[in-house]
Amino acid sequence: MDDMDHRILSALRACGADPRVASAVRGLSLAGEHGALWLAAGLVGAAVDGTRRGSWLRGTALVAGAHLAGSGVKRLVRRERPGHIEPLVRTIGRYSFPSSHAASATAAAVAFGALGGYGFAPPAAAMCLSRLVAGVHHPSDVAAGAALGALTARLGARWMTGGRP
């Protein structure tokens, strides 16, 4: 698995040689710190969709929970970030598994998608991919983060919608 992670990461990181790609990756990285982009999106959803404000706020809480869960697992697993390539961005921590950016992005796509916010999936996928192009995560880190985010949102779906399917 490590060899496959290494090869995939090297190939995707090479895409960051294009200055336009590198700029987009840096922007996504900054926007995704601590799940900020997704938390803000959830709060906007709550502000504009008054009839489902509570659902949007609970969905936003699920996004925060996915991010926090990812950060907690990182401290337990302690997998080092990739060392064989030069990253495009700085990171707050030195551990990489799972990707908290991927966890919060995927949780937002799943939770807000359940509320009709289907437009969240493409930027969430871009966020996940950007972590590889940035060279700060192994592919398995991103896959695990995305799985954690999806699981968090699915487990909280009934709570988020107030018990409605």
N, C-alpha and C. Protein backbone atom coordinates (compact mmCIF):
# COMPACT_ATOMS: atom_id res chain seq x y z
N MET A 1 0.82 -1.19 0.00
CA MET A 1 0.00 0.00 0.00
C MET A 1 0.87 1.26 0.00
N ASP A 2 1.97 1.24 0.73
CA ASP A 2 2.83 2.42 0.78
C ASP A 2 3.41 2.75 -0.58
N ASP A 3 3.78 1.72 -1.35
CA ASP A 3 4.34 1.95 -2.68
C ASP A 3 3.29 2.58 -3.60
N MET A 4 2.05 2.10 -3.52
CA MET A 4 0.99 2.67 -4.35
C MET A 4 0.71 4.10 -3.93
N ASP A 5 0.61 4.36 -2.62
CA ASP A 5 0.44 5.71 -2.11
C ASP A 5 1.53 6.63 -2.66
N HIS A 6 2.75 6.16 -2.60
CA HIS A 6 3.92 6.94 -3.05
C HIS A 6 3.79 7.30 -4.53
N ARG A 7 3.47 6.33 -5.36
CA ARG A 7 3.38 6.56 -6.81
C ARG A 7 2.22 7.48 -7.17
N ILE A 8 1.06 7.26 -6.58
CA ILE A 8 -0.10 8.11 -6.86
C ILE A 8 0.18 9.53 -6.41
N LEU A 9 0.72 9.68 -5.22
CA LEU A 9 1.00 11.01 -4.69
C LEU A 9 2.01 11.75 -5.56
N SER A 10 3.06 11.08 -5.99
CA SER A 10 4.07 11.71 -6.84
C SER A 10 3.46 12.20 -8.15
N ALA A 11 2.60 11.38 -8.74
CA ALA A 11 1.96 11.77 -10.01
C ALA A 11 1.03 12.97 -9.83
N LEU A 12 0.25 12.97 -8.75
CA LEU A 12 -0.67 14.09 -8.54
C LEU A 12 0.06 15.35 -8.11
N ARG A 13 1.09 15.20 -7.31
CA ARG A 13 1.85 16.38 -6.88
C ARG A 13 2.48 17.07 -8.08
N ALA A 14 2.85 16.32 -9.12
CA ALA A 14 3.43 16.90 -10.33
C ALA A 14 2.46 17.87 -10.99
N CYS A 15 1.16 17.68 -10.82
CA CYS A 15 0.17 18.61 -11.38
C CYS A 15 0.32 20.00 -10.78
N GLY A 16 0.87 20.08 -9.59
CA GLY A 16 1.06 21.37 -8.92
C GLY A 16 2.17 22.21 -9.52
N ALA A 17 2.88 21.68 -10.50
CA ALA A 17 3.92 22.47 -11.17
C ALA A 17 3.30 23.60 -11.99
N ASP A 18 2.07 23.44 -12.41
CA ASP A 18 1.35 24.50 -13.13
C ASP A 18 0.99 25.58 -12.10
N PRO A 19 1.43 26.82 -12.31
CA PRO A 19 1.17 27.88 -11.32
C PRO A 19 -0.32 28.10 -11.05
N ARG A 20 -1.17 27.91 -12.05
CA ARG A 20 -2.61 28.09 -11.84
C ARG A 20 -3.16 27.01 -10.93
N VAL A 21 -2.69 25.79 -11.12
CA VAL A 21 -3.12 24.68 -10.26
C VAL A 21 -2.61 24.91 -8.85
N ALA A 22 -1.34 25.31 -8.74
CA ALA A 22 -0.75 25.55 -7.42
C ALA A 22 -1.52 26.64 -6.67
N SER A 23 -1.91 27.68 -7.38
CA SER A 23 -2.66 28.76 -6.75
C SER A 23 -4.02 28.28 -6.26
N ALA A 24 -4.71 27.50 -7.07
CA ALA A 24 -6.01 26.96 -6.67
C ALA A 24 -5.87 26.04 -5.46
N VAL A 25 -4.83 25.23 -5.46
CA VAL A 25 -4.60 24.30 -4.34
C VAL A 25 -4.32 25.07 -3.06
N ARG A 26 -3.54 26.10 -3.17
CA ARG A 26 -3.25 26.92 -1.97
C ARG A 26 -4.52 27.57 -1.44
N GLY A 27 -5.36 28.06 -2.35
CA GLY A 27 -6.62 28.68 -1.93
C GLY A 27 -7.54 27.68 -1.25
N LEU A 28 -7.66 26.49 -1.83
CA LEU A 28 -8.49 25.46 -1.21
C LEU A 28 -7.94 25.05 0.15
N SER A 29 -6.65 24.93 0.24
CA SER A 29 -6.04 24.54 1.51
C SER A 29 -6.37 25.55 2.61
N LEU A 30 -6.21 26.81 2.28
CA LEU A 30 -6.50 27.86 3.25
C LEU A 30 -7.98 27.88 3.62
N ALA A 31 -8.85 27.78 2.62
CA ALA A 31 -10.30 27.81 2.87
C ALA A 31 -10.75 26.63 3.71
N GLY A 32 -10.05 25.50 3.58
CA GLY A 32 -10.45 24.30 4.30
C GLY A 32 -9.87 24.15 5.68
N GLU A 33 -8.98 25.06 6.09
CA GLU A 33 -8.39 24.95 7.43
C GLU A 33 -9.48 24.93 8.49
N HIS A 34 -9.42 23.94 9.34
CA HIS A 34 -10.38 23.76 10.44
C HIS A 34 -11.82 23.66 9.93
N GLY A 35 -11.97 23.27 8.66
CA GLY A 35 -13.31 23.13 8.09
C GLY A 35 -14.01 24.45 7.84
N ALA A 36 -13.27 25.57 7.84
CA ALA A 36 -13.86 26.90 7.80
C ALA A 36 -14.82 27.10 6.63
N LEU A 37 -14.44 26.69 5.44
CA LEU A 37 -15.29 26.87 4.26
C LEU A 37 -16.64 26.18 4.47
N TRP A 38 -16.59 24.96 4.97
CA TRP A 38 -17.81 24.15 5.12
C TRP A 38 -18.65 24.64 6.28
N LEU A 39 -18.01 25.09 7.34
CA LEU A 39 -18.77 25.64 8.47
C LEU A 39 -19.48 26.91 8.05
N ALA A 40 -18.78 27.76 7.31
CA ALA A 40 -19.39 29.00 6.82
C ALA A 40 -20.55 28.69 5.88
N ALA A 41 -20.38 27.70 5.01
CA ALA A 41 -21.45 27.33 4.08
C ALA A 41 -22.67 26.84 4.84
N GLY A 42 -22.46 26.08 5.89
CA GLY A 42 -23.58 25.60 6.69
C GLY A 42 -24.31 26.73 7.39
N LEU A 43 -23.56 27.71 7.87
CA LEU A 43 -24.18 28.85 8.52
C LEU A 43 -24.96 29.71 7.53
N VAL A 44 -24.43 29.83 6.31
CA VAL A 44 -25.17 30.55 5.26
C VAL A 44 -26.46 29.79 4.94
N GLY A 45 -26.36 28.46 4.83
CA GLY A 45 -27.56 27.66 4.59
C GLY A 45 -28.61 27.89 5.68
N ALA A 46 -28.16 27.94 6.92
CA ALA A 46 -29.09 28.18 8.04
C ALA A 46 -29.71 29.56 7.96
N ALA A 47 -28.93 30.53 7.50
CA ALA A 47 -29.44 31.91 7.41
C ALA A 47 -30.46 32.09 6.30
N VAL A 48 -30.26 31.40 5.19
CA VAL A 48 -31.16 31.62 4.04
C VAL A 48 -32.32 30.62 3.98
N ASP A 49 -32.24 29.53 4.68
CA ASP A 49 -33.30 28.51 4.65
C ASP A 49 -33.92 28.42 6.05
N GLY A 50 -34.70 29.43 6.37
CA GLY A 50 -35.27 29.55 7.71
C GLY A 50 -36.14 28.37 8.13
N THR A 51 -36.81 27.74 7.18
CA THR A 51 -37.69 26.63 7.54
C THR A 51 -36.89 25.41 7.99
N ARG A 52 -35.64 25.31 7.53
CA ARG A 52 -34.79 24.17 7.94
C ARG A 52 -33.53 24.64 8.66
N ARG A 53 -33.61 25.78 9.30
CA ARG A 53 -32.45 26.35 10.00
C ARG A 53 -31.82 25.34 10.96
N GLY A 54 -32.64 24.68 11.74
CA GLY A 54 -32.13 23.71 12.70
C GLY A 54 -31.39 22.57 12.03
N SER A 55 -31.91 22.10 10.92
CA SER A 55 -31.23 21.02 10.19
C SER A 55 -29.88 21.48 9.66
N TRP A 56 -29.85 22.70 9.11
CA TRP A 56 -28.57 23.22 8.62
C TRP A 56 -27.57 23.39 9.76
N LEU A 57 -28.03 23.85 10.90
CA LEU A 57 -27.12 24.01 12.04
C LEU A 57 -26.62 22.66 12.56
N ARG A 58 -27.51 21.68 12.61
CA ARG A 58 -27.07 20.35 13.04
C ARG A 58 -26.13 19.74 12.00
N GLY A 59 -26.39 19.97 10.71
CA GLY A 59 -25.46 19.51 9.66
C GLY A 59 -24.10 20.16 9.82
N THR A 60 -24.10 21.44 10.16
CA THR A 60 -22.85 22.15 10.39
C THR A 60 -22.11 21.57 11.59
N ALA A 61 -22.86 21.19 12.61
CA ALA A 61 -22.25 20.54 13.77
C ALA A 61 -21.63 19.20 13.37
N LEU A 62 -22.28 18.47 12.47
CA LEU A 62 -21.70 17.21 11.99
C LEU A 62 -20.39 17.45 11.24
N VAL A 63 -20.34 18.52 10.47
CA VAL A 63 -19.10 18.87 9.76
C VAL A 63 -17.99 19.15 10.78
N ALA A 64 -18.30 19.93 11.80
CA ALA A 64 -17.32 20.22 12.84
C ALA A 64 -16.90 18.94 13.55
N GLY A 65 -17.86 18.07 13.80
CA GLY A 65 -17.55 16.80 14.46
C GLY A 65 -16.63 15.92 13.62
N ALA A 66 -16.86 15.89 12.31
CA ALA A 66 -15.99 15.11 11.43
C ALA A 66 -14.58 15.67 11.44
N HIS A 67 -14.46 16.98 11.42
CA HIS A 67 -13.13 17.59 11.46
C HIS A 67 -12.43 17.25 12.78
N LEU A 68 -13.14 17.39 13.87
CA LEU A 68 -12.55 17.09 15.18
C LEU A 68 -12.18 15.61 15.30
N ALA A 69 -13.02 14.74 14.77
CA ALA A 69 -12.72 13.31 14.81
C ALA A 69 -11.44 13.02 14.02
N GLY A 70 -11.31 13.63 12.85
CA GLY A 70 -10.09 13.46 12.06
C GLY A 70 -8.86 13.93 12.81
N SER A 71 -8.98 15.07 13.46
CA SER A 71 -7.85 15.59 14.23
C SER A 71 -7.49 14.67 15.39
N GLY A 72 -8.50 14.10 16.03
CA GLY A 72 -8.25 13.18 17.13
C GLY A 72 -7.58 11.90 16.67
N VAL A 73 -8.05 11.33 15.57
CA VAL A 73 -7.45 10.11 15.05
C VAL A 73 -6.00 10.36 14.66
N LYS A 74 -5.73 11.54 14.11
CA LYS A 74 -4.34 11.89 13.74
C LYS A 74 -3.41 11.77 14.93
N ARG A 75 -3.86 12.23 16.06
CA ARG A 75 -3.02 12.20 17.27
C ARG A 75 -2.80 10.78 17.78
N LEU A 76 -3.73 9.90 17.46
CA LEU A 76 -3.57 8.50 17.85
C LEU A 76 -2.68 7.73 16.87
N VAL A 77 -2.90 7.91 15.59
CA VAL A 77 -2.18 7.14 14.56
C VAL A 77 -0.76 7.66 14.38
N ARG A 78 -0.58 8.95 14.34
CA ARG A 78 0.74 9.61 14.23
C ARG A 78 1.52 9.23 12.97
N ARG A 79 0.82 9.13 11.87
CA ARG A 79 1.50 8.86 10.59
C ARG A 79 2.11 10.17 10.09
N GLU A 80 3.36 10.11 9.75
CA GLU A 80 4.06 11.30 9.26
C GLU A 80 3.54 11.70 7.88
N ARG A 81 3.61 12.98 7.58
CA ARG A 81 3.24 13.48 6.26
C ARG A 81 4.27 12.97 5.24
N PRO A 82 3.90 12.97 3.97
CA PRO A 82 4.84 12.50 2.94
C PRO A 82 6.15 13.27 3.01
N GLY A 83 7.25 12.54 2.91
CA GLY A 83 8.56 13.18 3.00
C GLY A 83 9.34 13.16 1.71
N HIS A 84 8.80 12.50 0.68
CA HIS A 84 9.56 12.34 -0.55
C HIS A 84 9.28 13.44 -1.59
N ILE A 85 8.40 14.38 -1.25
CA ILE A 85 8.09 15.47 -2.18
C ILE A 85 8.02 16.79 -1.42
N GLU A 86 8.18 17.86 -2.16
CA GLU A 86 8.10 19.21 -1.57
C GLU A 86 6.63 19.65 -1.55
N PRO A 87 6.07 19.94 -0.38
CA PRO A 87 4.67 20.35 -0.32
C PRO A 87 4.47 21.76 -0.88
N LEU A 88 3.28 22.01 -1.39
CA LEU A 88 2.92 23.34 -1.89
C LEU A 88 2.45 24.27 -0.78
N VAL A 89 2.01 23.70 0.33
CA VAL A 89 1.46 24.49 1.43
C VAL A 89 2.09 24.05 2.75
N ARG A 90 2.03 24.94 3.71
CA ARG A 90 2.43 24.59 5.06
C ARG A 90 1.25 23.94 5.77
N THR A 91 1.57 23.11 6.73
CA THR A 91 0.51 22.47 7.50
C THR A 91 0.65 22.84 8.97
N ILE A 92 -0.45 22.76 9.66
CA ILE A 92 -0.45 23.09 11.08
C ILE A 92 0.21 21.98 11.88
N GLY A 93 -0.09 20.75 11.53
CA GLY A 93 0.46 19.62 12.27
C GLY A 93 1.36 18.76 11.41
N ARG A 94 2.07 17.86 12.05
CA ARG A 94 3.00 17.01 11.30
C ARG A 94 2.42 15.66 10.93
N TYR A 95 1.23 15.35 11.44
CA TYR A 95 0.64 14.06 11.16
C TYR A 95 -0.39 14.16 10.04
N SER A 96 -0.55 13.04 9.31
CA SER A 96 -1.36 13.11 8.10
C SER A 96 -2.58 12.20 8.06
N PHE A 97 -2.67 11.20 8.91
CA PHE A 97 -3.76 10.22 8.79
C PHE A 97 -4.78 10.38 9.89
N PRO A 98 -6.03 10.62 9.53
CA PRO A 98 -6.62 10.86 8.22
C PRO A 98 -6.59 12.35 7.88
N SER A 99 -6.94 12.68 6.67
CA SER A 99 -7.02 14.09 6.27
C SER A 99 -8.27 14.72 6.86
N SER A 100 -8.07 15.71 7.71
CA SER A 100 -9.22 16.41 8.30
C SER A 100 -9.90 17.30 7.27
N HIS A 101 -9.12 17.83 6.30
CA HIS A 101 -9.74 18.59 5.21
C HIS A 101 -10.74 17.69 4.46
N ALA A 102 -10.33 16.46 4.17
CA ALA A 102 -11.21 15.53 3.46
C ALA A 102 -12.41 15.14 4.32
N ALA A 103 -12.19 14.97 5.62
CA ALA A 103 -13.29 14.59 6.51
C ALA A 103 -14.36 15.68 6.55
N SER A 104 -13.96 16.92 6.74
CA SER A 104 -14.95 17.99 6.82
C SER A 104 -15.60 18.24 5.47
N ALA A 105 -14.84 18.17 4.38
CA ALA A 105 -15.40 18.40 3.05
C ALA A 105 -16.44 17.34 2.71
N THR A 106 -16.12 16.09 2.97
CA THR A 106 -17.05 15.01 2.63
C THR A 106 -18.26 15.03 3.55
N ALA A 107 -18.06 15.34 4.81
CA ALA A 107 -19.20 15.47 5.73
C ALA A 107 -20.14 16.57 5.24
N ALA A 108 -19.60 17.67 4.77
CA ALA A 108 -20.43 18.75 4.24
C ALA A 108 -21.19 18.30 3.00
N ALA A 109 -20.50 17.63 2.09
CA ALA A 109 -21.16 17.17 0.86
C ALA A 109 -22.31 16.22 1.19
N VAL A 110 -22.11 15.31 2.13
CA VAL A 110 -23.15 14.33 2.48
C VAL A 110 -24.27 15.00 3.28
N ALA A 111 -23.90 15.74 4.31
CA ALA A 111 -24.93 16.36 5.17
C ALA A 111 -25.73 17.42 4.42
N PHE A 112 -25.05 18.33 3.76
CA PHE A 112 -25.76 19.40 3.07
C PHE A 112 -26.45 18.88 1.81
N GLY A 113 -25.91 17.81 1.23
CA GLY A 113 -26.58 17.17 0.11
C GLY A 113 -27.93 16.60 0.52
N ALA A 114 -28.01 16.10 1.74
CA ALA A 114 -29.28 15.57 2.25
C ALA A 114 -30.32 16.67 2.42
N LEU A 115 -29.84 17.91 2.47
CA LEU A 115 -30.75 19.06 2.59
C LEU A 115 -31.02 19.72 1.24
N GLY A 116 -30.55 19.07 0.18
CA GLY A 116 -30.76 19.61 -1.16
C GLY A 116 -29.60 20.41 -1.69
N GLY A 117 -28.53 20.52 -0.93
CA GLY A 117 -27.35 21.25 -1.37
C GLY A 117 -26.43 20.37 -2.19
N TYR A 118 -26.90 19.95 -3.35
CA TYR A 118 -26.14 19.00 -4.16
C TYR A 118 -24.88 19.61 -4.77
N GLY A 119 -24.78 20.91 -4.80
CA GLY A 119 -23.61 21.58 -5.35
C GLY A 119 -22.37 21.47 -4.48
N PHE A 120 -22.48 20.87 -3.31
CA PHE A 120 -21.32 20.76 -2.44
C PHE A 120 -20.38 19.61 -2.83
N ALA A 121 -20.88 18.65 -3.56
CA ALA A 121 -20.04 17.49 -3.91
C ALA A 121 -18.83 17.85 -4.77
N PRO A 122 -18.97 18.64 -5.84
CA PRO A 122 -17.78 18.96 -6.65
C PRO A 122 -16.69 19.72 -5.88
N PRO A 123 -17.03 20.77 -5.13
CA PRO A 123 -15.95 21.42 -4.38
C PRO A 123 -15.35 20.53 -3.28
N ALA A 124 -16.17 19.65 -2.72
CA ALA A 124 -15.64 18.72 -1.71
C ALA A 124 -14.64 17.76 -2.36
N ALA A 125 -14.98 17.27 -3.54
CA ALA A 125 -14.04 16.40 -4.27
C ALA A 125 -12.77 17.15 -4.62
N ALA A 126 -12.91 18.40 -5.02
CA ALA A 126 -11.73 19.22 -5.34
C ALA A 126 -10.87 19.41 -4.10
N MET A 127 -11.50 19.61 -2.95
CA MET A 127 -10.75 19.76 -1.70
C MET A 127 -9.95 18.51 -1.41
N CYS A 128 -10.59 17.36 -1.57
CA CYS A 128 -9.89 16.09 -1.31
C CYS A 128 -8.71 15.92 -2.25
N LEU A 129 -8.92 16.15 -3.52
CA LEU A 129 -7.86 16.02 -4.51
C LEU A 129 -6.74 17.02 -4.26
N SER A 130 -7.10 18.22 -3.82
CA SER A 130 -6.09 19.26 -3.60
C SER A 130 -5.08 18.87 -2.53
N ARG A 131 -5.48 18.05 -1.57
CA ARG A 131 -4.55 17.64 -0.52
C ARG A 131 -3.44 16.78 -1.08
N LEU A 132 -3.74 16.06 -2.17
CA LEU A 132 -2.72 15.23 -2.83
C LEU A 132 -1.85 16.09 -3.73
N VAL A 133 -2.46 16.98 -4.48
CA VAL A 133 -1.68 17.87 -5.35
C VAL A 133 -0.78 18.76 -4.49
N ALA A 134 -1.25 19.14 -3.32
CA ALA A 134 -0.43 19.94 -2.41
C ALA A 134 0.73 19.13 -1.83
N GLY A 135 0.62 17.82 -1.89
CA GLY A 135 1.69 16.96 -1.39
C GLY A 135 1.75 16.83 0.11
N VAL A 136 0.62 17.06 0.78
CA VAL A 136 0.62 17.02 2.25
C VAL A 136 -0.06 15.79 2.83
N HIS A 137 -0.61 14.94 1.96
CA HIS A 137 -1.27 13.71 2.41
C HIS A 137 -0.97 12.58 1.47
N HIS A 138 -0.93 11.39 2.02
CA HIS A 138 -0.90 10.17 1.22
C HIS A 138 -2.33 9.93 0.72
N PRO A 139 -2.50 9.27 -0.43
CA PRO A 139 -3.86 8.98 -0.90
C PRO A 139 -4.72 8.24 0.13
N SER A 140 -4.12 7.33 0.87
CA SER A 140 -4.90 6.61 1.88
C SER A 140 -5.35 7.53 3.02
N ASP A 141 -4.62 8.60 3.28
CA ASP A 141 -5.05 9.59 4.28
C ASP A 141 -6.33 10.27 3.83
N VAL A 142 -6.36 10.64 2.55
CA VAL A 142 -7.52 11.33 2.00
C VAL A 142 -8.72 10.38 1.93
N ALA A 143 -8.48 9.15 1.51
CA ALA A 143 -9.56 8.17 1.45
C ALA A 143 -10.14 7.93 2.84
N ALA A 144 -9.29 7.80 3.83
CA ALA A 144 -9.76 7.57 5.20
C ALA A 144 -10.50 8.79 5.73
N GLY A 145 -10.00 9.98 5.44
CA GLY A 145 -10.69 11.19 5.87
C GLY A 145 -12.06 11.32 5.24
N ALA A 146 -12.14 11.02 3.94
CA ALA A 146 -13.43 11.08 3.24
C ALA A 146 -14.40 10.05 3.82
N ALA A 147 -13.91 8.86 4.10
CA ALA A 147 -14.76 7.82 4.70
C ALA A 147 -15.25 8.26 6.08
N LEU A 148 -14.38 8.85 6.87
CA LEU A 148 -14.75 9.32 8.20
C LEU A 148 -15.81 10.42 8.10
N GLY A 149 -15.63 11.34 7.16
CA GLY A 149 -16.61 12.41 6.99
C GLY A 149 -17.96 11.89 6.55
N ALA A 150 -17.95 10.98 5.58
CA ALA A 150 -19.21 10.40 5.10
C ALA A 150 -19.91 9.63 6.21
N LEU A 151 -19.14 8.85 6.97
CA LEU A 151 -19.71 8.08 8.06
C LEU A 151 -20.31 8.99 9.14
N THR A 152 -19.60 10.04 9.48
CA THR A 152 -20.09 10.98 10.48
C THR A 152 -21.43 11.58 10.04
N ALA A 153 -21.48 12.03 8.79
CA ALA A 153 -22.71 12.65 8.29
C ALA A 153 -23.85 11.65 8.19
N ARG A 154 -23.56 10.44 7.77
CA ARG A 154 -24.62 9.42 7.65
C ARG A 154 -25.13 9.00 9.02
N LEU A 155 -24.21 8.85 9.99
CA LEU A 155 -24.64 8.46 11.33
C LEU A 155 -25.50 9.55 11.98
N GLY A 156 -25.24 10.79 11.63
CA GLY A 156 -25.99 11.90 12.21
C GLY A 156 -27.17 12.36 11.37
N ALA A 157 -27.47 11.66 10.28
CA ALA A 157 -28.49 12.12 9.34
C ALA A 157 -29.87 12.26 9.99
N ARG A 158 -30.29 11.28 10.77
CA ARG A 158 -31.61 11.35 11.41
C ARG A 158 -31.67 12.50 12.42
N TRP A 159 -30.59 12.69 13.16
CA TRP A 159 -30.53 13.80 14.11
C TRP A 159 -30.58 15.13 13.36
N MET A 160 -29.84 15.21 12.26
CA MET A 160 -29.76 16.44 11.50
C MET A 160 -31.13 16.85 10.94
N THR A 161 -31.88 15.89 10.45
CA THR A 161 -33.16 16.21 9.83
C THR A 161 -34.32 16.18 10.83
N GLY A 162 -34.00 16.06 12.10
CA GLY A 162 -35.05 16.05 13.12
C GLY A 162 -35.86 14.78 13.11
N GLY A 163 -35.23 13.66 12.69
CA GLY A 163 -35.89 12.38 12.68
C GLY A 163 -36.63 12.06 11.41
N ARG A 164 -36.67 13.04 10.47
CA ARG A 164 -37.33 12.78 9.18
C ARG A 164 -36.36 12.03 8.27
N PRO A 165 -36.84 11.09 7.47
CA PRO A 165 -35.96 10.35 6.55
C PRO A 165 -35.42 11.24 5.44
